[in-house]
Each structure stands twice: as structure tokens, then as C-alpha cells.
Amino acid sequence: MSTDADANKVGLIPVTLMVSGNIMGSGVFLLPANLAATGGIAIYGWLVTIIGALALSMV
């Protein structure tokens, strides 16, 4: 049986997922400010990236 000390520990995988979730989650809130500063040209960059990602996914 696990003790109380073992029950309160967080493993490597949950910690890794929490950190990566925080990094990706903060990007959602920072992205509009970055796009506003660069103007409409950033939208074309996103479109090129999406097309490239779709092309790679079909390989």
C-alpha cells in the first residue's frame, strides 16, 4: 500500500504535461498581441505554415 508521502508525489509525466500545457496555453493569450504588432502580413505566414504542415501530414 502506498503511504501518505507517496500519495502526494507527482510523477515525471504529469509534470511534463503540466509544463507543456502552460507553455502552449500562454501562447493562446500572447498571439493576438503579436499579430497586432506585425500587421496583416503575419496571417500570410500562418497560411504558408498551415499549407506546409498539411503537405507534410500527407507524406
N, C-alpha and C. Protein backbone atom coordinates (compact mmCIF):
# COMPACT_ATOMS: atom_id res chain seq x y z
N MET A 1 0.83 -1.18 0.00
CA MET A 1 0.00 0.00 0.00
C MET A 1 0.87 1.24 0.00
N SER A 2 0.37 2.26 -0.58
CA SER A 2 1.15 3.50 -0.62
C SER A 2 0.92 4.29 0.66
N THR A 3 1.94 4.99 1.04
CA THR A 3 1.84 5.82 2.23
C THR A 3 1.33 7.20 1.83
N ASP A 4 1.10 8.03 2.84
CA ASP A 4 0.63 9.39 2.56
C ASP A 4 1.67 10.19 1.79
N ALA A 5 2.95 9.95 2.04
CA ALA A 5 4.01 10.68 1.33
C ALA A 5 4.02 10.31 -0.15
N ASP A 6 3.79 9.04 -0.48
CA ASP A 6 3.76 8.62 -1.88
C ASP A 6 2.51 9.14 -2.59
N ALA A 7 1.42 9.28 -1.88
CA ALA A 7 0.18 9.74 -2.48
C ALA A 7 0.26 11.21 -2.89
N ASN A 8 1.10 11.99 -2.26
CA ASN A 8 1.21 13.41 -2.56
C ASN A 8 2.25 13.73 -3.62
N LYS A 9 2.98 12.74 -4.11
CA LYS A 9 4.02 12.99 -5.11
C LYS A 9 3.41 13.04 -6.51
N VAL A 10 4.00 13.87 -7.34
CA VAL A 10 3.59 13.96 -8.73
C VAL A 10 4.71 13.39 -9.58
N GLY A 11 4.36 12.56 -10.54
CA GLY A 11 5.37 11.88 -11.35
C GLY A 11 5.91 12.75 -12.48
N LEU A 12 6.84 12.18 -13.22
CA LEU A 12 7.51 12.90 -14.30
C LEU A 12 6.55 13.23 -15.45
N ILE A 13 5.72 12.28 -15.84
CA ILE A 13 4.83 12.50 -16.97
C ILE A 13 3.77 13.57 -16.66
N PRO A 14 3.10 13.54 -15.51
CA PRO A 14 2.15 14.61 -15.23
C PRO A 14 2.80 15.99 -15.15
N VAL A 15 4.00 16.06 -14.60
CA VAL A 15 4.69 17.35 -14.51
C VAL A 15 5.05 17.84 -15.91
N THR A 16 5.53 16.94 -16.76
CA THR A 16 5.87 17.32 -18.13
C THR A 16 4.65 17.82 -18.88
N LEU A 17 3.52 17.15 -18.71
CA LEU A 17 2.30 17.58 -19.37
C LEU A 17 1.79 18.91 -18.84
N MET A 18 1.93 19.15 -17.54
CA MET A 18 1.52 20.43 -16.98
C MET A 18 2.36 21.58 -17.52
N VAL A 19 3.66 21.38 -17.59
CA VAL A 19 4.55 22.43 -18.08
C VAL A 19 4.28 22.71 -19.56
N SER A 20 4.16 21.66 -20.36
CA SER A 20 3.90 21.88 -21.79
C SER A 20 2.52 22.52 -22.00
N GLY A 21 1.55 22.17 -21.19
CA GLY A 21 0.24 22.80 -21.27
C GLY A 21 0.29 24.27 -20.92
N ASN A 22 1.08 24.63 -19.93
CA ASN A 22 1.22 26.04 -19.57
C ASN A 22 1.91 26.83 -20.67
N ILE A 23 2.92 26.24 -21.29
CA ILE A 23 3.63 26.93 -22.37
C ILE A 23 2.70 27.15 -23.56
N MET A 24 1.97 26.11 -23.96
CA MET A 24 1.07 26.25 -25.10
C MET A 24 -0.12 27.14 -24.75
N GLY A 25 -0.60 27.06 -23.54
CA GLY A 25 -1.73 27.88 -23.12
C GLY A 25 -1.40 29.35 -23.10
N SER A 26 -0.18 29.69 -22.71
CA SER A 26 0.20 31.10 -22.69
C SER A 26 0.32 31.65 -24.10
N GLY A 27 0.66 30.80 -25.06
CA GLY A 27 0.74 31.24 -26.45
C GLY A 27 -0.61 31.69 -26.99
N VAL A 28 -1.68 31.10 -26.51
CA VAL A 28 -3.02 31.48 -26.96
C VAL A 28 -3.31 32.92 -26.56
N PHE A 29 -2.85 33.33 -25.39
CA PHE A 29 -3.12 34.68 -24.93
C PHE A 29 -2.14 35.70 -25.48
N LEU A 30 -0.92 35.28 -25.81
CA LEU A 30 0.08 36.20 -26.33
C LEU A 30 -0.01 36.39 -27.84
N LEU A 31 -0.60 35.45 -28.55
CA LEU A 31 -0.64 35.50 -30.01
C LEU A 31 -1.36 36.73 -30.55
N PRO A 32 -2.53 37.12 -30.07
CA PRO A 32 -3.19 38.31 -30.64
C PRO A 32 -2.35 39.58 -30.51
N ALA A 33 -1.64 39.74 -29.42
CA ALA A 33 -0.80 40.93 -29.26
C ALA A 33 0.34 40.91 -30.27
N ASN A 34 0.92 39.75 -30.51
CA ASN A 34 2.00 39.65 -31.50
C ASN A 34 1.48 39.91 -32.91
N LEU A 35 0.31 39.39 -33.24
CA LEU A 35 -0.25 39.61 -34.57
C LEU A 35 -0.62 41.07 -34.78
N ALA A 36 -1.10 41.74 -33.75
CA ALA A 36 -1.46 43.14 -33.89
C ALA A 36 -0.23 44.00 -34.16
N ALA A 37 0.90 43.63 -33.58
CA ALA A 37 2.12 44.42 -33.77
C ALA A 37 2.70 44.24 -35.16
N THR A 38 2.57 43.06 -35.75
CA THR A 38 3.18 42.80 -37.06
C THR A 38 2.25 43.12 -38.22
N GLY A 39 0.99 43.25 -37.97
CA GLY A 39 0.08 43.58 -39.04
C GLY A 39 -0.46 42.36 -39.76
N GLY A 40 -1.03 42.61 -40.92
CA GLY A 40 -1.69 41.55 -41.68
C GLY A 40 -0.74 40.56 -42.33
N ILE A 41 0.54 40.91 -42.45
CA ILE A 41 1.49 40.00 -43.09
C ILE A 41 1.65 38.71 -42.29
N ALA A 42 1.39 38.75 -41.00
CA ALA A 42 1.52 37.55 -40.17
C ALA A 42 0.49 36.49 -40.57
N ILE A 43 -0.65 36.92 -41.06
CA ILE A 43 -1.68 35.97 -41.49
C ILE A 43 -1.17 35.15 -42.67
N TYR A 44 -0.45 35.79 -43.58
CA TYR A 44 0.13 35.05 -44.71
C TYR A 44 1.17 34.04 -44.23
N GLY A 45 1.91 34.40 -43.22
CA GLY A 45 2.87 33.47 -42.64
C GLY A 45 2.18 32.25 -42.05
N TRP A 46 1.05 32.48 -41.37
CA TRP A 46 0.29 31.36 -40.82
C TRP A 46 -0.25 30.48 -41.95
N LEU A 47 -0.73 31.09 -43.02
CA LEU A 47 -1.26 30.30 -44.13
C LEU A 47 -0.17 29.45 -44.77
N VAL A 48 1.01 30.01 -44.96
CA VAL A 48 2.13 29.24 -45.52
C VAL A 48 2.48 28.08 -44.60
N THR A 49 2.49 28.34 -43.30
CA THR A 49 2.81 27.30 -42.33
C THR A 49 1.76 26.19 -42.34
N ILE A 50 0.50 26.56 -42.44
CA ILE A 50 -0.58 25.57 -42.47
C ILE A 50 -0.47 24.71 -43.73
N ILE A 51 -0.20 25.35 -44.86
CA ILE A 51 -0.06 24.59 -46.11
C ILE A 51 1.12 23.63 -46.01
N GLY A 52 2.22 24.09 -45.43
CA GLY A 52 3.38 23.22 -45.25
C GLY A 52 3.09 22.06 -44.32
N ALA A 53 2.36 22.33 -43.23
CA ALA A 53 2.03 21.27 -42.29
C ALA A 53 1.09 20.24 -42.93
N LEU A 54 0.15 20.72 -43.72
CA LEU A 54 -0.75 19.79 -44.42
C LEU A 54 0.01 18.94 -45.43
N ALA A 55 0.96 19.56 -46.13
CA ALA A 55 1.76 18.80 -47.09
C ALA A 55 2.59 17.73 -46.39
N LEU A 56 3.17 18.07 -45.25
CA LEU A 56 3.95 17.10 -44.51
C LEU A 56 3.09 15.98 -43.93
N SER A 57 1.86 16.30 -43.58
CA SER A 57 0.99 15.27 -43.00
C SER A 57 0.55 14.24 -44.03
N MET A 58 0.63 14.59 -45.30
CA MET A 58 0.21 13.66 -46.35
C MET A 58 1.35 12.76 -46.82
N VAL A 59 2.53 12.95 -46.28
CA VAL A 59 3.68 12.12 -46.69
C VAL A 59 3.66 10.82 -45.94
